[in-house]
Amino acid sequence: MTILPIRITGDPVLHSPASPVTEFDDTLRTLVSDMFETMDAAPGVGLAAPQVGVGLRLFVYSYDTDEGEPWRGVAINPELWITPLPAGAPEDELDSEGCLSVPGERFPLVRSERAILRAVDLDQKPFELEVDGWRARILQHEFDHLDGVLYSDRLVAPFYKTVQKAIKKAGWGVDGISWMPGVDDLDA
């Protein structure tokens, strides 16, 4: 397994819709394995293929359930349904979210409380997940990546302006910038 560099906002692959996965082969298995290794090293709770420079509709996720059980998997060619967004402004602590492609920054973002994901696994076996809370947030965040949307694109005032200033100050927002988990210390 290999740890892959994570692309930083500004790279075109992060801001473009990803293509469906059509080849379920050893190359895909290696990519998924490397994505798990990269996500764990970052450390993160999810990682989409565009974040490692691959414009395909797949992501990996890893988080513990409320009961402390591991919740880990890969979603290939996913579809996502969400409940309506709750009304009101985001709460700083409760709704705080970050992204490995905007490392070191965290801002509050309102997300739907519940989500249903339908996808296939590496063996093309269909599955469905119905989740709520933090796990629903993870699925929404990673699914957004497949449509070329970063969480920073969804922020509302004053947070949108603050993240844009942080991106500019860091010299991000342009093609070709990445960071390497386990090597670069970017407070991801």
C-alpha atoms as a PDB file:
ATOM      1  CA  MET A   1       0.000   0.000   0.000  1.00  0.00           C
ATOM      2  CA  THR A   2       1.086   3.542  -0.732  1.00  0.00           C
ATOM      3  CA  ILE A   3       0.287   6.859   0.887  1.00  0.00           C
ATOM      4  CA  LEU A   4      -0.794   9.256  -1.838  1.00  0.00           C
ATOM      5  CA  PRO A   5      -0.407  13.050  -1.937  1.00  0.00           C
ATOM      6  CA  ILE A   6      -3.654  14.897  -1.190  1.00  0.00           C
ATOM      7  CA  ARG A   7      -4.593  17.663  -3.600  1.00  0.00           C
ATOM      8  CA  ILE A   8      -5.289  21.107  -2.156  1.00  0.00           C
ATOM      9  CA  THR A   9      -8.123  23.375  -3.254  1.00  0.00           C
ATOM     10  CA  GLY A  10      -7.458  24.958  -6.623  1.00  0.00           C
ATOM     11  CA  ASP A  11      -6.516  21.726  -8.381  1.00  0.00           C
ATOM     12  CA  PRO A  12      -8.983  21.256 -11.291  1.00  0.00           C
ATOM     13  CA  VAL A  13      -9.731  17.622 -10.349  1.00  0.00           C
ATOM     14  CA  LEU A  14     -11.228  18.893  -7.068  1.00  0.00           C
ATOM     15  CA  HIS A  15     -13.527  21.353  -8.792  1.00  0.00           C
ATOM     16  CA  SER A  16     -14.904  19.108 -11.574  1.00  0.00           C
ATOM     17  CA  PRO A  17     -17.534  16.355 -11.489  1.00  0.00           C
ATOM     18  CA  ALA A  18     -15.950  12.906 -11.316  1.00  0.00           C
ATOM     19  CA  SER A  19     -16.652  10.153 -13.850  1.00  0.00           C
ATOM     20  CA  PRO A  20     -18.385   6.863 -13.012  1.00  0.00           C
ATOM     21  CA  VAL A  21     -16.195   3.877 -12.262  1.00  0.00           C
ATOM     22  CA  THR A  22     -16.442   1.398 -15.138  1.00  0.00           C
ATOM     23  CA  GLU A  23     -13.427  -0.864 -14.584  1.00  0.00           C
ATOM     24  CA  PHE A  24     -13.511  -3.068 -11.471  1.00  0.00           C
ATOM     25  CA  ASP A  25     -10.014  -4.490 -11.646  1.00  0.00           C
ATOM     26  CA  ASP A  26      -6.756  -4.734  -9.713  1.00  0.00           C
ATOM     27  CA  THR A  27      -5.969  -1.090 -10.495  1.00  0.00           C
ATOM     28  CA  LEU A  28      -9.176  -0.058  -8.709  1.00  0.00           C
ATOM     29  CA  ARG A  29      -8.426  -2.364  -5.769  1.00  0.00           C
ATOM     30  CA  THR A  30      -4.961  -0.836  -5.437  1.00  0.00           C
ATOM     31  CA  LEU A  31      -6.394   2.692  -5.580  1.00  0.00           C
ATOM     32  CA  VAL A  32      -8.926   1.917  -2.834  1.00  0.00           C
ATOM     33  CA  SER A  33      -6.251   0.284  -0.666  1.00  0.00           C
ATOM     34  CA  ASP A  34      -3.977   3.300  -1.135  1.00  0.00           C
ATOM     35  CA  MET A  35      -6.866   5.651  -0.341  1.00  0.00           C
ATOM     36  CA  PHE A  36      -7.522   3.868   2.970  1.00  0.00           C
ATOM     37  CA  GLU A  37      -3.807   4.069   3.802  1.00  0.00           C
ATOM     38  CA  THR A  38      -3.756   7.784   2.900  1.00  0.00           C
ATOM     39  CA  MET A  39      -6.937   8.574   4.863  1.00  0.00           C
ATOM     40  CA  ASP A  40      -5.611   6.805   7.962  1.00  0.00           C
ATOM     41  CA  ALA A  41      -2.230   8.553   7.736  1.00  0.00           C
ATOM     42  CA  ALA A  42      -3.753  12.023   7.265  1.00  0.00           C
ATOM     43  CA  PRO A  43      -5.694  11.295   9.623  1.00  0.00           C
ATOM     44  CA  GLY A  44      -9.194  11.683   8.238  1.00  0.00           C
ATOM     45  CA  VAL A  45     -12.651  10.114   8.394  1.00  0.00           C
ATOM     46  CA  GLY A  46     -13.214  10.103   4.640  1.00  0.00           C
ATOM     47  CA  LEU A  47     -11.330  10.545   1.383  1.00  0.00           C
ATOM     48  CA  ALA A  48     -12.677  10.892  -2.157  1.00  0.00           C
ATOM     49  CA  ALA A  49     -10.767   9.818  -5.256  1.00  0.00           C
ATOM     50  CA  PRO A  50     -10.541  13.404  -6.620  1.00  0.00           C
ATOM     51  CA  GLN A  51      -8.621  14.352  -3.474  1.00  0.00           C
ATOM     52  CA  VAL A  52      -5.801  12.065  -4.604  1.00  0.00           C
ATOM     53  CA  GLY A  53      -5.995  13.289  -8.193  1.00  0.00           C
ATOM     54  CA  VAL A  54      -8.277  10.582  -9.601  1.00  0.00           C
ATOM     55  CA  GLY A  55     -11.479  11.855 -11.187  1.00  0.00           C
ATOM     56  CA  LEU A  56     -13.616   8.805 -10.388  1.00  0.00           C
ATOM     57  CA  ARG A  57     -16.856   8.535  -8.392  1.00  0.00           C
ATOM     58  CA  LEU A  58     -15.671   6.701  -5.305  1.00  0.00           C
ATOM     59  CA  PHE A  59     -14.765   7.457  -1.724  1.00  0.00           C
ATOM     60  CA  VAL A  60     -13.631   5.659   1.403  1.00  0.00           C
ATOM     61  CA  TYR A  61     -14.842   6.359   4.927  1.00  0.00           C
ATOM     62  CA  SER A  62     -13.942   5.318   8.462  1.00  0.00           C
ATOM     63  CA  TYR A  63     -15.555   6.298  11.745  1.00  0.00           C
ATOM     64  CA  ASP A  64     -16.790   4.584  14.878  1.00  0.00           C
ATOM     65  CA  THR A  65     -20.499   4.116  15.476  1.00  0.00           C
ATOM     66  CA  ASP A  66     -22.146   5.533  18.590  1.00  0.00           C
ATOM     67  CA  GLU A  67     -21.603   2.091  20.127  1.00  0.00           C
ATOM     68  CA  GLY A  68     -17.856   2.258  19.402  1.00  0.00           C
ATOM     69  CA  GLU A  69     -17.984  -0.255  16.559  1.00  0.00           C
ATOM     70  CA  PRO A  70     -15.848   0.425  13.463  1.00  0.00           C
ATOM     71  CA  TRP A  71     -17.751   1.812  10.471  1.00  0.00           C
ATOM     72  CA  ARG A  72     -15.500   1.584   7.448  1.00  0.00           C
ATOM     73  CA  GLY A  73     -15.998   1.041   3.769  1.00  0.00           C
ATOM     74  CA  VAL A  74     -15.800   2.143   0.165  1.00  0.00           C
ATOM     75  CA  ALA A  75     -18.650   3.619  -1.870  1.00  0.00           C
ATOM     76  CA  ILE A  76     -18.350   3.314  -5.644  1.00  0.00           C
ATOM     77  CA  ASN A  77     -20.710   5.162  -8.004  1.00  0.00           C
ATOM     78  CA  PRO A  78     -22.808   6.324  -5.038  1.00  0.00           C
ATOM     79  CA  GLU A  79     -26.204   7.977  -4.961  1.00  0.00           C
ATOM     80  CA  LEU A  80     -27.109  10.045  -1.895  1.00  0.00           C
ATOM     81  CA  TRP A  81     -30.440  11.156  -0.484  1.00  0.00           C
ATOM     82  CA  ILE A  82     -30.591  13.597   2.414  1.00  0.00           C
ATOM     83  CA  THR A  83     -33.263  15.075   4.644  1.00  0.00           C
ATOM     84  CA  PRO A  84     -33.950  18.809   4.320  1.00  0.00           C
ATOM     85  CA  LEU A  85     -31.357  21.072   5.896  1.00  0.00           C
ATOM     86  CA  PRO A  86     -32.303  22.302   9.356  1.00  0.00           C
ATOM     87  CA  ALA A  87     -33.166  25.992   9.594  1.00  0.00           C
ATOM     88  CA  GLY A  88     -30.821  28.430  11.260  1.00  0.00           C
ATOM     89  CA  ALA A  89     -27.198  29.372  11.376  1.00  0.00           C
ATOM     90  CA  PRO A  90     -24.481  26.770  11.971  1.00  0.00           C
ATOM     91  CA  GLU A  91     -23.259  26.297  15.534  1.00  0.00           C
ATOM     92  CA  ASP A  92     -19.499  26.731  15.951  1.00  0.00           C
ATOM     93  CA  GLU A  93     -18.783  23.526  17.886  1.00  0.00           C
ATOM     94  CA  LEU A  94     -21.642  21.262  16.831  1.00  0.00           C
ATOM     95  CA  ASP A  95     -21.334  21.917  13.093  1.00  0.00           C
ATOM     96  CA  SER A  96     -17.546  22.327  12.800  1.00  0.00           C
ATOM     97  CA  GLU A  97     -16.178  20.652   9.688  1.00  0.00           C
ATOM     98  CA  GLY A  98     -12.808  20.423   7.989  1.00  0.00           C
ATOM     99  CA  CYS A  99     -11.375  18.970   4.795  1.00  0.00           C
ATOM    100  CA  LEU A 100      -8.088  17.308   3.900  1.00  0.00           C
ATOM    101  CA  SER A 101      -8.056  19.443   0.722  1.00  0.00           C
ATOM    102  CA  VAL A 102      -8.255  22.643   2.793  1.00  0.00           C
ATOM    103  CA  PRO A 103      -5.882  21.454   5.532  1.00  0.00           C
ATOM    104  CA  GLY A 104      -5.796  23.061   8.945  1.00  0.00           C
ATOM    105  CA  GLU A 105      -9.026  25.028   8.496  1.00  0.00           C
ATOM    106  CA  ARG A 106     -12.316  24.243  10.277  1.00  0.00           C
ATOM    107  CA  PHE A 107     -15.582  26.124   9.953  1.00  0.00           C
ATOM    108  CA  PRO A 108     -19.199  25.492  10.930  1.00  0.00           C
ATOM    109  CA  LEU A 109     -21.456  24.221   8.170  1.00  0.00           C
ATOM    110  CA  VAL A 110     -25.070  23.099   8.422  1.00  0.00           C
ATOM    111  CA  ARG A 111     -25.582  19.605   6.986  1.00  0.00           C
ATOM    112  CA  SER A 112     -28.621  17.362   6.811  1.00  0.00           C
ATOM    113  CA  GLU A 113     -29.122  15.238   9.898  1.00  0.00           C
ATOM    114  CA  ARG A 114     -29.896  12.021   7.998  1.00  0.00           C
ATOM    115  CA  ALA A 115     -28.670  10.446   4.777  1.00  0.00           C
ATOM    116  CA  ILE A 116     -29.237   7.344   2.701  1.00  0.00           C
ATOM    117  CA  LEU A 117     -26.371   6.148   0.521  1.00  0.00           C
ATOM    118  CA  ARG A 118     -26.682   3.575  -2.246  1.00  0.00           C
ATOM    119  CA  ALA A 119     -23.510   2.387  -3.922  1.00  0.00           C
ATOM    120  CA  VAL A 120     -21.549  -0.699  -4.887  1.00  0.00           C
ATOM    121  CA  ASP A 121     -18.443  -2.153  -3.277  1.00  0.00           C
ATOM    122  CA  LEU A 122     -15.268  -3.445  -4.938  1.00  0.00           C
ATOM    123  CA  ASP A 123     -17.066  -6.653  -5.948  1.00  0.00           C
ATOM    124  CA  GLN A 124     -19.851  -4.572  -7.567  1.00  0.00           C
ATOM    125  CA  LYS A 125     -22.219  -5.731  -4.824  1.00  0.00           C
ATOM    126  CA  PRO A 126     -24.910  -3.093  -4.182  1.00  0.00           C
ATOM    127  CA  PHE A 127     -25.428  -1.872  -0.625  1.00  0.00           C
ATOM    128  CA  GLU A 128     -27.390   0.779   1.200  1.00  0.00           C
ATOM    129  CA  LEU A 129     -26.533   2.756   4.324  1.00  0.00           C
ATOM    130  CA  GLU A 130     -29.013   4.801   6.321  1.00  0.00           C
ATOM    131  CA  VAL A 131     -27.183   6.980   8.827  1.00  0.00           C
ATOM    132  CA  ASP A 132     -27.579  10.084  10.916  1.00  0.00           C
ATOM    133  CA  GLY A 133     -25.447  12.571  12.816  1.00  0.00           C
ATOM    134  CA  TRP A 134     -21.726  12.650  12.165  1.00  0.00           C
ATOM    135  CA  ARG A 135     -21.820   9.683   9.776  1.00  0.00           C
ATOM    136  CA  ALA A 136     -24.434  11.494   7.636  1.00  0.00           C
ATOM    137  CA  ARG A 137     -22.125  14.528   7.596  1.00  0.00           C
ATOM    138  CA  ILE A 138     -19.201  12.368   6.405  1.00  0.00           C
ATOM    139  CA  LEU A 139     -21.220  10.887   3.533  1.00  0.00           C
ATOM    140  CA  GLN A 140     -22.477  14.309   2.426  1.00  0.00           C
ATOM    141  CA  HIS A 141     -18.947  15.766   2.564  1.00  0.00           C
ATOM    142  CA  GLU A 142     -17.382  12.950   0.525  1.00  0.00           C
ATOM    143  CA  PHE A 143     -20.272  12.819  -1.955  1.00  0.00           C
ATOM    144  CA  ASP A 144     -19.833  16.564  -2.567  1.00  0.00           C
ATOM    145  CA  HIS A 145     -16.240  15.891  -3.657  1.00  0.00           C
ATOM    146  CA  LEU A 146     -17.549  13.662  -6.445  1.00  0.00           C
ATOM    147  CA  ASP A 147     -19.531  16.616  -7.803  1.00  0.00           C
ATOM    148  CA  GLY A 148     -16.558  18.995  -7.620  1.00  0.00           C
ATOM    149  CA  VAL A 149     -17.779  20.756  -4.459  1.00  0.00           C
ATOM    150  CA  LEU A 150     -15.604  21.375  -1.411  1.00  0.00           C
ATOM    151  CA  TYR A 151     -17.092  22.130   1.990  1.00  0.00           C
ATOM    152  CA  SER A 152     -15.521  25.591   1.754  1.00  0.00           C
ATOM    153  CA  ASP A 153     -17.763  26.273  -1.272  1.00  0.00           C
ATOM    154  CA  ARG A 154     -20.843  25.735   0.917  1.00  0.00           C
ATOM    155  CA  LEU A 155     -19.863  28.041   3.770  1.00  0.00           C
ATOM    156  CA  VAL A 156     -22.027  31.068   4.531  1.00  0.00           C
ATOM    157  CA  ALA A 157     -20.993  34.549   5.701  1.00  0.00           C
ATOM    158  CA  PRO A 158     -18.798  35.346   7.500  1.00  0.00           C
ATOM    159  CA  PHE A 159     -17.078  31.960   7.200  1.00  0.00           C
ATOM    160  CA  TYR A 160     -16.925  31.902   3.385  1.00  0.00           C
ATOM    161  CA  LYS A 161     -14.937  35.126   3.304  1.00  0.00           C
ATOM    162  CA  THR A 162     -12.652  33.928   6.121  1.00  0.00           C
ATOM    163  CA  VAL A 163     -11.803  30.646   4.368  1.00  0.00           C
ATOM    164  CA  GLN A 164     -11.142  32.466   1.092  1.00  0.00           C
ATOM    165  CA  LYS A 165      -8.672  34.739   2.893  1.00  0.00           C
ATOM    166  CA  ALA A 166      -6.997  31.705   4.492  1.00  0.00           C
ATOM    167  CA  ILE A 167      -6.705  29.992   1.088  1.00  0.00           C
ATOM    168  CA  LYS A 168      -5.176  33.109  -0.460  1.00  0.00           C
ATOM    169  CA  LYS A 169      -2.775  33.625   2.475  1.00  0.00           C
ATOM    170  CA  ALA A 170      -1.581  29.987   2.202  1.00  0.00           C
ATOM    171  CA  GLY A 171      -0.951  30.405  -1.542  1.00  0.00           C
ATOM    172  CA  TRP A 172      -3.558  27.791  -2.403  1.00  0.00           C
ATOM    173  CA  GLY A 173      -6.332  28.066  -4.963  1.00  0.00           C
ATOM    174  CA  VAL A 174      -4.083  27.178  -7.884  1.00  0.00           C
ATOM    175  CA  ASP A 175      -3.335  23.960  -9.756  1.00  0.00           C
ATOM    176  CA  GLY A 176      -0.597  21.597  -8.647  1.00  0.00           C
ATOM    177  CA  ILE A 177      -0.479  21.990  -4.866  1.00  0.00           C
ATOM    178  CA  SER A 178      -0.689  18.918  -2.657  1.00  0.00           C
ATOM    179  CA  TRP A 179       0.490  17.688   0.716  1.00  0.00           C
ATOM    180  CA  MET A 180       1.782  14.323   1.861  1.00  0.00           C
ATOM    181  CA  PRO A 181       0.316  12.740   5.025  1.00  0.00           C
ATOM    182  CA  GLY A 182       3.035  11.640   7.394  1.00  0.00           C
ATOM    183  CA  VAL A 183       5.531  14.065   5.808  1.00  0.00           C
ATOM    184  CA  ASP A 184       3.956  17.500   5.695  1.00  0.00           C
ATOM    185  CA  ASP A 185       2.592  19.009   8.905  1.00  0.00           C
ATOM    186  CA  LEU A 186      -0.374  21.089   7.783  1.00  0.00           C
ATOM    187  CA  ASP A 187      -2.610  20.522  10.809  1.00  0.00           C
ATOM    188  CA  ALA A 188      -5.080  18.559   8.699  1.00  0.00           C
END
